[in-house]
Amino acid sequence: MKPLTEQEIRAAFVNCTKGEAKRLSVPRDLAERPWGDLDFLGWRDPQAPDRAYLVTVLDDRPVGVQLRSSSGGGAGQARRSMCTVCLTTHTGGVALLVAPRAGKAGQQGNSVGVYMCDDLACSLYLRGRKDAGVGGRLHESLTQEEKIARTGANLAAFLAKVTE
């Protein structure tokens, strides 16, 4: 993924108002992010940890969604769960993240959920840049490029549900 500017990130959001996008907390360390290893930029709001944001590039344009952690269960439990985006398993490190749908559906309260790495570091787990612990990555016969493509397809499918 190519580096994105704060302005590109704010303009990318499809499921919030321009005012909400203007007020959201963009990471201050954009220049230090490992852009070459990222399939998407994901982060949590340090002021409101139940809020998360995700921005990726689809069809050569940035697309962003705001997310919320579901209440109850999830992170911190000893149960092993799998991220449905990158297929990494974690003990207590997967959360149900919920995105309001874009447009009128979102204004009516409709949302879409995805079980995802709680720290939104799917790209780094997939590339071995971050350790998910024993058994975090299942043995597969796919190449790393195929796993990256699958992760991109899983993310695109989720984003399609948000924007349909």
C-alpha atoms as a PDB file:
ATOM      1  CA  MET A   1       0.000   0.000   0.000  1.00  0.00           C
ATOM      2  CA  LYS A   2       1.322   3.449  -0.797  1.00  0.00           C
ATOM      3  CA  PRO A   3       1.600   6.000   2.031  1.00  0.00           C
ATOM      4  CA  LEU A   4      -1.534   8.073   2.567  1.00  0.00           C
ATOM      5  CA  THR A   5      -1.729  11.638   3.822  1.00  0.00           C
ATOM      6  CA  GLU A   6      -4.029  12.755   6.605  1.00  0.00           C
ATOM      7  CA  GLN A   7      -6.196  14.560   4.020  1.00  0.00           C
ATOM      8  CA  GLU A   8      -6.498  11.418   1.865  1.00  0.00           C
ATOM      9  CA  ILE A   9      -7.415   9.387   4.932  1.00  0.00           C
ATOM     10  CA  ARG A  10     -10.124  11.811   6.075  1.00  0.00           C
ATOM     11  CA  ALA A  11     -11.592  12.037   2.557  1.00  0.00           C
ATOM     12  CA  ALA A  12     -11.732   8.231   2.230  1.00  0.00           C
ATOM     13  CA  PHE A  13     -14.471   7.526   4.800  1.00  0.00           C
ATOM     14  CA  VAL A  14     -17.689   6.192   3.286  1.00  0.00           C
ATOM     15  CA  ASN A  15     -19.791   5.532   6.395  1.00  0.00           C
ATOM     16  CA  CYS A  16     -19.608   8.771   8.334  1.00  0.00           C
ATOM     17  CA  THR A  17     -20.301  12.443   7.716  1.00  0.00           C
ATOM     18  CA  LYS A  18     -17.603  14.846   6.535  1.00  0.00           C
ATOM     19  CA  GLY A  19     -17.755  16.469   9.982  1.00  0.00           C
ATOM     20  CA  GLU A  20     -17.182  13.139  11.721  1.00  0.00           C
ATOM     21  CA  ALA A  21     -14.283  12.367   9.361  1.00  0.00           C
ATOM     22  CA  LYS A  22     -12.787  15.786  10.098  1.00  0.00           C
ATOM     23  CA  ARG A  23     -12.954  15.162  13.869  1.00  0.00           C
ATOM     24  CA  LEU A  24     -11.701  11.567  13.966  1.00  0.00           C
ATOM     25  CA  SER A  25      -8.309  10.816  15.466  1.00  0.00           C
ATOM     26  CA  VAL A  26      -5.800  10.089  12.665  1.00  0.00           C
ATOM     27  CA  PRO A  27      -2.530   8.441  13.785  1.00  0.00           C
ATOM     28  CA  ARG A  28       0.286  10.953  14.268  1.00  0.00           C
ATOM     29  CA  ASP A  29       2.934   8.451  13.183  1.00  0.00           C
ATOM     30  CA  LEU A  30       1.892   8.073   9.534  1.00  0.00           C
ATOM     31  CA  ALA A  31       5.455   8.641   8.304  1.00  0.00           C
ATOM     32  CA  GLU A  32       6.751   5.750  10.464  1.00  0.00           C
ATOM     33  CA  ARG A  33       4.132   3.191   9.407  1.00  0.00           C
ATOM     34  CA  PRO A  34       5.467   0.167   7.440  1.00  0.00           C
ATOM     35  CA  TRP A  35       3.414   1.081   4.342  1.00  0.00           C
ATOM     36  CA  GLY A  36       5.101  -1.538   2.140  1.00  0.00           C
ATOM     37  CA  ASP A  37       3.845  -4.270   4.493  1.00  0.00           C
ATOM     38  CA  LEU A  38       0.286  -2.934   4.864  1.00  0.00           C
ATOM     39  CA  ASP A  39      -2.793  -4.090   2.984  1.00  0.00           C
ATOM     40  CA  PHE A  40      -4.768  -1.516   4.950  1.00  0.00           C
ATOM     41  CA  LEU A  41      -4.166   1.102   7.611  1.00  0.00           C
ATOM     42  CA  GLY A  42      -6.036   0.185  10.776  1.00  0.00           C
ATOM     43  CA  TRP A  43      -6.001   1.924  14.153  1.00  0.00           C
ATOM     44  CA  ARG A  44      -7.963   2.500  17.327  1.00  0.00           C
ATOM     45  CA  ASP A  45      -8.883   5.899  18.693  1.00  0.00           C
ATOM     46  CA  PRO A  46      -6.676   6.433  21.776  1.00  0.00           C
ATOM     47  CA  GLN A  47      -9.405   8.599  23.357  1.00  0.00           C
ATOM     48  CA  ALA A  48     -12.146   6.013  22.744  1.00  0.00           C
ATOM     49  CA  PRO A  49     -10.702   2.470  22.450  1.00  0.00           C
ATOM     50  CA  ASP A  50     -14.074   1.047  21.341  1.00  0.00           C
ATOM     51  CA  ARG A  51     -13.681   3.083  18.112  1.00  0.00           C
ATOM     52  CA  ALA A  52     -11.519   1.809  15.290  1.00  0.00           C
ATOM     53  CA  TYR A  53     -10.827   2.950  11.755  1.00  0.00           C
ATOM     54  CA  LEU A  54      -9.697   1.159   8.630  1.00  0.00           C
ATOM     55  CA  VAL A  55      -8.515   2.647   5.315  1.00  0.00           C
ATOM     56  CA  THR A  56      -7.425   0.690   2.247  1.00  0.00           C
ATOM     57  CA  VAL A  57      -7.096   1.306  -1.469  1.00  0.00           C
ATOM     58  CA  LEU A  58      -9.732  -0.252  -3.728  1.00  0.00           C
ATOM     59  CA  ASP A  59      -9.850   0.425  -7.463  1.00  0.00           C
ATOM     60  CA  ASP A  60      -6.970   2.915  -7.059  1.00  0.00           C
ATOM     61  CA  ARG A  61      -8.787   5.075  -4.505  1.00  0.00           C
ATOM     62  CA  PRO A  62      -8.695   5.149  -0.701  1.00  0.00           C
ATOM     63  CA  VAL A  63     -11.790   3.764   1.038  1.00  0.00           C
ATOM     64  CA  GLY A  64     -12.234   4.118   4.790  1.00  0.00           C
ATOM     65  CA  VAL A  65     -14.743   2.902   7.351  1.00  0.00           C
ATOM     66  CA  GLN A  66     -15.308   3.688  10.977  1.00  0.00           C
ATOM     67  CA  LEU A  67     -15.839   0.695  13.250  1.00  0.00           C
ATOM     68  CA  ARG A  68     -16.921   0.017  16.810  1.00  0.00           C
ATOM     69  CA  SER A  69     -16.046  -2.918  19.022  1.00  0.00           C
ATOM     70  CA  SER A  70     -19.090  -4.877  20.023  1.00  0.00           C
ATOM     71  CA  SER A  71     -19.887  -4.815  23.702  1.00  0.00           C
ATOM     72  CA  GLY A  72     -19.419  -7.916  25.779  1.00  0.00           C
ATOM     73  CA  GLY A  73     -17.015 -10.788  25.180  1.00  0.00           C
ATOM     74  CA  GLY A  74     -14.143 -10.639  22.712  1.00  0.00           C
ATOM     75  CA  ALA A  75     -10.703  -9.405  23.696  1.00  0.00           C
ATOM     76  CA  GLY A  76      -9.311 -10.662  26.952  1.00  0.00           C
ATOM     77  CA  GLN A  77     -11.102 -13.999  26.955  1.00  0.00           C
ATOM     78  CA  ALA A  78      -9.017 -17.167  26.938  1.00  0.00           C
ATOM     79  CA  ARG A  79     -10.975 -18.651  24.023  1.00  0.00           C
ATOM     80  CA  ARG A  80      -9.107 -19.093  20.744  1.00  0.00           C
ATOM     81  CA  SER A  81     -10.673 -17.218  17.800  1.00  0.00           C
ATOM     82  CA  MET A  82      -9.830 -16.635  14.148  1.00  0.00           C
ATOM     83  CA  CYS A  83      -9.749 -13.342  12.274  1.00  0.00           C
ATOM     84  CA  THR A  84     -12.017 -13.684   9.226  1.00  0.00           C
ATOM     85  CA  VAL A  85      -9.879 -11.230   7.242  1.00  0.00           C
ATOM     86  CA  CYS A  86      -6.340 -12.680   7.527  1.00  0.00           C
ATOM     87  CA  LEU A  87      -7.231 -16.091   9.066  1.00  0.00           C
ATOM     88  CA  THR A  88      -4.843 -15.633  12.003  1.00  0.00           C
ATOM     89  CA  THR A  89      -5.901 -17.302  15.255  1.00  0.00           C
ATOM     90  CA  HIS A  90      -5.469 -15.590  18.604  1.00  0.00           C
ATOM     91  CA  THR A  91      -6.227 -16.312  22.223  1.00  0.00           C
ATOM     92  CA  GLY A  92      -8.408 -13.353  23.140  1.00  0.00           C
ATOM     93  CA  GLY A  93      -7.065 -11.205  20.261  1.00  0.00           C
ATOM     94  CA  VAL A  94     -10.048 -11.216  17.900  1.00  0.00           C
ATOM     95  CA  ALA A  95     -12.899  -8.743  18.243  1.00  0.00           C
ATOM     96  CA  LEU A  96     -16.247  -8.290  16.550  1.00  0.00           C
ATOM     97  CA  LEU A  97     -15.951  -4.920  14.847  1.00  0.00           C
ATOM     98  CA  VAL A  98     -19.152  -3.351  13.573  1.00  0.00           C
ATOM     99  CA  ALA A  99     -19.374  -0.764  10.792  1.00  0.00           C
ATOM    100  CA  PRO A 100     -22.443   1.364  10.096  1.00  0.00           C
ATOM    101  CA  ARG A 101     -23.527   0.861   6.494  1.00  0.00           C
ATOM    102  CA  ALA A 102     -22.882   3.740   4.117  1.00  0.00           C
ATOM    103  CA  GLY A 103     -25.680   6.085   3.068  1.00  0.00           C
ATOM    104  CA  LYS A 104     -29.329   5.831   4.000  1.00  0.00           C
ATOM    105  CA  ALA A 105     -28.998   2.275   5.367  1.00  0.00           C
ATOM    106  CA  GLY A 106     -26.437   3.455   7.914  1.00  0.00           C
ATOM    107  CA  GLN A 107     -28.557   6.448   8.847  1.00  0.00           C
ATOM    108  CA  GLN A 108     -31.360   3.974   9.593  1.00  0.00           C
ATOM    109  CA  GLY A 109     -29.054   2.094  11.974  1.00  0.00           C
ATOM    110  CA  ASN A 110     -28.048  -0.824   9.741  1.00  0.00           C
ATOM    111  CA  SER A 111     -24.548  -2.175  10.261  1.00  0.00           C
ATOM    112  CA  VAL A 112     -22.210  -4.974   9.206  1.00  0.00           C
ATOM    113  CA  GLY A 113     -19.825  -6.871  11.481  1.00  0.00           C
ATOM    114  CA  VAL A 114     -16.542  -8.674  10.992  1.00  0.00           C
ATOM    115  CA  TYR A 115     -14.399 -10.751  13.346  1.00  0.00           C
ATOM    116  CA  MET A 116     -10.969  -9.202  13.023  1.00  0.00           C
ATOM    117  CA  CYS A 117      -7.592  -8.989  14.757  1.00  0.00           C
ATOM    118  CA  ASP A 118      -8.283  -6.725  17.724  1.00  0.00           C
ATOM    119  CA  ASP A 119      -5.188  -4.608  17.024  1.00  0.00           C
ATOM    120  CA  LEU A 120      -5.995  -4.354  13.273  1.00  0.00           C
ATOM    121  CA  ALA A 121      -2.506  -5.660  12.436  1.00  0.00           C
ATOM    122  CA  CYS A 122      -3.641  -8.381  10.001  1.00  0.00           C
ATOM    123  CA  SER A 123      -1.053  -7.349   7.394  1.00  0.00           C
ATOM    124  CA  LEU A 124       1.805  -7.691   9.880  1.00  0.00           C
ATOM    125  CA  TYR A 125       0.659 -11.099  11.184  1.00  0.00           C
ATOM    126  CA  LEU A 126       0.268 -12.328   7.607  1.00  0.00           C
ATOM    127  CA  ARG A 127       3.831 -11.323   6.719  1.00  0.00           C
ATOM    128  CA  GLY A 128       5.394 -12.588   9.971  1.00  0.00           C
ATOM    129  CA  ARG A 129       6.271  -9.026  11.091  1.00  0.00           C
ATOM    130  CA  LYS A 130       4.169  -9.510  14.221  1.00  0.00           C
ATOM    131  CA  ASP A 131       3.850 -12.735  16.220  1.00  0.00           C
ATOM    132  CA  ALA A 132       0.374 -14.088  16.941  1.00  0.00           C
ATOM    133  CA  GLY A 133       1.802 -16.721  19.292  1.00  0.00           C
ATOM    134  CA  VAL A 134       1.877 -20.500  19.076  1.00  0.00           C
ATOM    135  CA  GLY A 135      -0.567 -21.727  16.431  1.00  0.00           C
ATOM    136  CA  GLY A 136      -1.357 -18.213  15.271  1.00  0.00           C
ATOM    137  CA  ARG A 137      -0.769 -19.034  11.625  1.00  0.00           C
ATOM    138  CA  LEU A 138      -2.185 -22.272  10.283  1.00  0.00           C
ATOM    139  CA  HIS A 139      -0.002 -24.307   7.947  1.00  0.00           C
ATOM    140  CA  GLU A 140      -1.275 -23.811   4.410  1.00  0.00           C
ATOM    141  CA  SER A 141       0.030 -24.731   0.981  1.00  0.00           C
ATOM    142  CA  LEU A 142      -0.717 -21.236  -0.357  1.00  0.00           C
ATOM    143  CA  THR A 143       2.150 -18.887  -1.150  1.00  0.00           C
ATOM    144  CA  GLN A 144       2.464 -15.679   0.798  1.00  0.00           C
ATOM    145  CA  GLU A 145       1.273 -13.742  -2.272  1.00  0.00           C
ATOM    146  CA  GLU A 146      -1.841 -15.943  -2.424  1.00  0.00           C
ATOM    147  CA  LYS A 147      -2.504 -15.367   1.293  1.00  0.00           C
ATOM    148  CA  ILE A 148      -2.117 -11.614   0.782  1.00  0.00           C
ATOM    149  CA  ALA A 149      -4.523 -11.761  -2.183  1.00  0.00           C
ATOM    150  CA  ARG A 150      -7.031 -13.747  -0.087  1.00  0.00           C
ATOM    151  CA  THR A 151      -6.804 -11.210   2.732  1.00  0.00           C
ATOM    152  CA  GLY A 152      -7.428  -8.405   0.232  1.00  0.00           C
ATOM    153  CA  ALA A 153     -10.435 -10.257  -1.178  1.00  0.00           C
ATOM    154  CA  ASN A 154     -11.844 -10.867   2.337  1.00  0.00           C
ATOM    155  CA  LEU A 155     -11.439  -7.192   3.203  1.00  0.00           C
ATOM    156  CA  ALA A 156     -12.979  -6.080  -0.119  1.00  0.00           C
ATOM    157  CA  ALA A 157     -15.967  -8.368   0.501  1.00  0.00           C
ATOM    158  CA  PHE A 158     -16.515  -6.800   3.934  1.00  0.00           C
ATOM    159  CA  LEU A 159     -16.237  -3.284   2.514  1.00  0.00           C
ATOM    160  CA  ALA A 160     -18.687  -4.187  -0.265  1.00  0.00           C
ATOM    161  CA  LYS A 161     -21.234  -5.105   2.417  1.00  0.00           C
ATOM    162  CA  VAL A 162     -20.670  -1.751   4.114  1.00  0.00           C
ATOM    163  CA  THR A 163     -21.182   0.201   0.882  1.00  0.00           C
ATOM    164  CA  GLU A 164     -24.015  -1.786  -0.763  1.00  0.00           C
END
